[in-house]
Amino acid sequence: MTLPFLSAEHAEAFILVLLRVSAIVVTIPVISESSIPMRVKASLSILIALIIFPLVLPKIPPVAGYPTLILMYRMAGEVLIGVVIGFAARLIFAGIRMAGDLVGFQMGFSIANVIDPTSSEQVSIITELQYLVAMLVFLSFDAHHVFFTAIVQSYAVLNPLTFHFSGALMQNILSLSKDMFVIAVKLAAPIMAVMLFTNVGLGIVARTVPQINIFIVGMPLQIAIGLIFLGLTAPVFIKLTSGYFLGFETRLATLLRLM
């Protein structure tokens, strides 16, 4: 299949395709990180837009019939399609970060923060570790292919310039935001339970053997037990995160229908 010649008529249609594609590319996880150069994101967006442009060209309505303000509103809707998709996906990573914060706080690592190069924010060591592992899981299970497929599927479900922000869409986004906390609790639950039993045991020791300085003993003991069980529960972490990433395809189809 050869790409059509981008005449003045085709240039307007190509801009509409590029708006949606670039909005998805710059908001999906991993690719949207600040460590990825903007030049790479722009090149990838243009390349994907050129590839799918011949497929979606028949579905693009002529823009000459739209008033200027209405056309700008519709073009903003094309950008919002990508923003909604990327925001929904990043909620999963936000839940993983929250799980790392909970685990790091229980282990006593909340006072040892590092600078996250992807967000330029201070995060705990456990948060950064789990986030990097989640990124590797995201790429190893080809979860990023879901978003590239979604770019083409979005045109099968949602024609250009037909975005509609409905109440059902907002309710679905709020449901995804709620699931962020569920993801955090599920991922952090094993370590939090172990830390709870450890603290109970330290409390019993402090009451029965008051000669022991429990504060000096407790801190390295909590870190050691936390790291041990963090390694033991790594397969569970990988299984849960991969399930969230691969199951996002169903959520994505629902979002597209609601838009």
Foldseek 3Di string as FASTA:
>chain_A
DDFDDCDVQNVVVLVLLLLLQLLQQCQAPPSVFPVNDPVVSSVVSSVLSRVCVVVQVVLADRPVVDPPVLVVVLSVLSSVLNVLLSVLNVLQLLLLLLLQQVLCVLLVQQVPWDQDRRVRDTGGPSSNVSSVVLVVLCVVLPLVVLSSVLSNVLCVQPGRSRHDDDPVLVVLSVVSNVVSNVSSCVLNVVSVVVSVVLVVVLVVCCVVPVVDPSVVVVNVVSNVVSVVVCVVCVVVSSVVSNCVSVVCSVVSVVSSNND
